[in-house]
Amino acid sequence: MAMKKTDLEKNKALKLNNAMKLSTADRFGKAAAADPKLDRREQRKLDQAQGLVAFACKLNGDLVTELKERAATHPEGMTGLLNEVIKRGLAG
């Protein structure tokens, strides 16, 4: 007996859903637990212990690109670079 068109489409959808579930299983499973990065809560606690406060602002895209390039070579990364630049700017 041949399957109806709707039954074929349902089977396709089920296969697609199962494939999507399997593809994301590694992202949220054991592989994610092995990642050495800190979760947000732990990172926030470390930042607070160092006296760091989040500060959001909007910058020109070209400026951001230049900051990212310089931060790549800075020993303290983006945070250290911005601390230096802002302190120099406020002092002069």
C-alpha atoms as a PDB file:
ATOM      1  CA  MET A   1       0.000   0.000   0.000  1.00  0.00           C
ATOM      2  CA  ALA A   2       1.421   3.381  -0.993  1.00  0.00           C
ATOM      3  CA  MET A   3       1.790   6.136   1.571  1.00  0.00           C
ATOM      4  CA  LYS A   4      -0.177   9.330   1.321  1.00  0.00           C
ATOM      5  CA  LYS A   5       1.608  12.569   0.534  1.00  0.00           C
ATOM      6  CA  THR A   6       0.883  13.909   4.042  1.00  0.00           C
ATOM      7  CA  ASP A   7       2.353  10.783   5.660  1.00  0.00           C
ATOM      8  CA  LEU A   8       5.530  11.178   3.612  1.00  0.00           C
ATOM      9  CA  GLU A   9       5.840  14.805   4.695  1.00  0.00           C
ATOM     10  CA  LYS A  10       5.309  13.846   8.350  1.00  0.00           C
ATOM     11  CA  ASN A  11       8.088  11.260   8.085  1.00  0.00           C
ATOM     12  CA  LYS A  12      10.410  13.840   6.531  1.00  0.00           C
ATOM     13  CA  ALA A  13       9.662  16.254   9.371  1.00  0.00           C
ATOM     14  CA  LEU A  14      10.342  13.578  11.996  1.00  0.00           C
ATOM     15  CA  LYS A  15      13.663  12.711  10.382  1.00  0.00           C
ATOM     16  CA  LEU A  16      14.619  16.371  10.265  1.00  0.00           C
ATOM     17  CA  ASN A  17      13.691  16.926  13.921  1.00  0.00           C
ATOM     18  CA  ASN A  18      15.714  13.900  15.015  1.00  0.00           C
ATOM     19  CA  ALA A  19      18.711  15.037  12.974  1.00  0.00           C
ATOM     20  CA  MET A  20      18.530  18.498  14.555  1.00  0.00           C
ATOM     21  CA  LYS A  21      18.337  17.027  18.061  1.00  0.00           C
ATOM     22  CA  LEU A  22      21.367  14.835  17.448  1.00  0.00           C
ATOM     23  CA  SER A  23      23.420  17.691  16.005  1.00  0.00           C
ATOM     24  CA  THR A  24      22.939  19.853  19.121  1.00  0.00           C
ATOM     25  CA  ALA A  25      23.436  17.016  21.601  1.00  0.00           C
ATOM     26  CA  ASP A  26      27.227  17.461  21.623  1.00  0.00           C
ATOM     27  CA  ARG A  27      26.997  21.192  22.109  1.00  0.00           C
ATOM     28  CA  PHE A  28      25.097  20.917  25.369  1.00  0.00           C
ATOM     29  CA  GLY A  29      26.323  17.553  26.585  1.00  0.00           C
ATOM     30  CA  LYS A  30      29.675  16.188  27.635  1.00  0.00           C
ATOM     31  CA  ALA A  31      31.653  18.357  25.235  1.00  0.00           C
ATOM     32  CA  ALA A  32      30.336  21.527  26.858  1.00  0.00           C
ATOM     33  CA  ALA A  33      31.177  20.264  30.343  1.00  0.00           C
ATOM     34  CA  ALA A  34      34.793  19.671  29.300  1.00  0.00           C
ATOM     35  CA  ASP A  35      35.114  23.308  28.215  1.00  0.00           C
ATOM     36  CA  PRO A  36      37.453  25.114  30.632  1.00  0.00           C
ATOM     37  CA  LYS A  37      35.617  28.445  30.317  1.00  0.00           C
ATOM     38  CA  LEU A  38      33.892  29.752  33.413  1.00  0.00           C
ATOM     39  CA  ASP A  39      30.151  30.125  33.446  1.00  0.00           C
ATOM     40  CA  ARG A  40      28.694  33.612  33.739  1.00  0.00           C
ATOM     41  CA  ARG A  41      28.031  33.426  37.454  1.00  0.00           C
ATOM     42  CA  GLU A  42      31.601  32.368  38.272  1.00  0.00           C
ATOM     43  CA  GLN A  43      33.041  35.003  35.939  1.00  0.00           C
ATOM     44  CA  ARG A  44      30.870  37.702  37.540  1.00  0.00           C
ATOM     45  CA  LYS A  45      32.125  36.726  41.002  1.00  0.00           C
ATOM     46  CA  LEU A  46      35.749  36.926  39.846  1.00  0.00           C
ATOM     47  CA  ASP A  47      35.136  40.317  38.222  1.00  0.00           C
ATOM     48  CA  GLN A  48      33.475  41.666  41.382  1.00  0.00           C
ATOM     49  CA  ALA A  49      36.407  40.463  43.485  1.00  0.00           C
ATOM     50  CA  GLN A  50      38.735  42.473  41.230  1.00  0.00           C
ATOM     51  CA  GLY A  51      36.493  45.535  41.537  1.00  0.00           C
ATOM     52  CA  LEU A  52      35.424  45.420  37.885  1.00  0.00           C
ATOM     53  CA  VAL A  53      32.090  46.914  36.860  1.00  0.00           C
ATOM     54  CA  ALA A  54      30.345  46.385  33.522  1.00  0.00           C
ATOM     55  CA  PHE A  55      30.141  49.571  31.454  1.00  0.00           C
ATOM     56  CA  ALA A  56      28.330  49.554  28.127  1.00  0.00           C
ATOM     57  CA  CYS A  57      28.596  52.225  25.454  1.00  0.00           C
ATOM     58  CA  LYS A  58      28.297  52.564  21.685  1.00  0.00           C
ATOM     59  CA  LEU A  59      31.439  53.204  19.651  1.00  0.00           C
ATOM     60  CA  ASN A  60      32.244  53.803  16.005  1.00  0.00           C
ATOM     61  CA  GLY A  61      32.871  50.543  14.102  1.00  0.00           C
ATOM     62  CA  ASP A  62      36.310  51.623  12.887  1.00  0.00           C
ATOM     63  CA  LEU A  63      37.337  52.471  16.445  1.00  0.00           C
ATOM     64  CA  VAL A  64      36.158  49.079  17.693  1.00  0.00           C
ATOM     65  CA  THR A  65      38.160  47.319  14.981  1.00  0.00           C
ATOM     66  CA  GLU A  66      41.297  49.226  15.962  1.00  0.00           C
ATOM     67  CA  LEU A  67      40.715  48.495  19.662  1.00  0.00           C
ATOM     68  CA  LYS A  68      40.321  44.774  18.950  1.00  0.00           C
ATOM     69  CA  GLU A  69      43.569  44.730  16.980  1.00  0.00           C
ATOM     70  CA  ARG A  70      45.484  46.467  19.760  1.00  0.00           C
ATOM     71  CA  ALA A  71      43.829  44.373  22.487  1.00  0.00           C
ATOM     72  CA  ALA A  72      45.050  41.202  20.776  1.00  0.00           C
ATOM     73  CA  THR A  73      48.644  42.166  21.607  1.00  0.00           C
ATOM     74  CA  HIS A  74      47.948  43.794  24.974  1.00  0.00           C
ATOM     75  CA  PRO A  75      48.915  41.595  27.967  1.00  0.00           C
ATOM     76  CA  GLU A  76      45.649  42.305  29.830  1.00  0.00           C
ATOM     77  CA  GLY A  77      43.403  42.111  26.758  1.00  0.00           C
ATOM     78  CA  MET A  78      40.593  44.518  25.978  1.00  0.00           C
ATOM     79  CA  THR A  79      39.911  45.462  29.604  1.00  0.00           C
ATOM     80  CA  GLY A  80      43.519  46.411  30.281  1.00  0.00           C
ATOM     81  CA  LEU A  81      43.797  48.356  27.035  1.00  0.00           C
ATOM     82  CA  LEU A  82      40.639  50.339  27.706  1.00  0.00           C
ATOM     83  CA  ASN A  83      41.771  51.095  31.264  1.00  0.00           C
ATOM     84  CA  GLU A  84      45.036  52.539  29.923  1.00  0.00           C
ATOM     85  CA  VAL A  85      43.403  54.549  27.127  1.00  0.00           C
ATOM     86  CA  ILE A  86      40.714  56.044  29.356  1.00  0.00           C
ATOM     87  CA  LYS A  87      43.172  56.924  32.157  1.00  0.00           C
ATOM     88  CA  ARG A  88      45.482  58.628  29.649  1.00  0.00           C
ATOM     89  CA  GLY A  89      42.542  60.515  28.161  1.00  0.00           C
ATOM     90  CA  LEU A  90      41.258  61.694  31.533  1.00  0.00           C
ATOM     91  CA  ALA A  91      44.726  62.756  32.696  1.00  0.00           C
ATOM     92  CA  GLY A  92      45.445  64.961  29.686  1.00  0.00           C
END
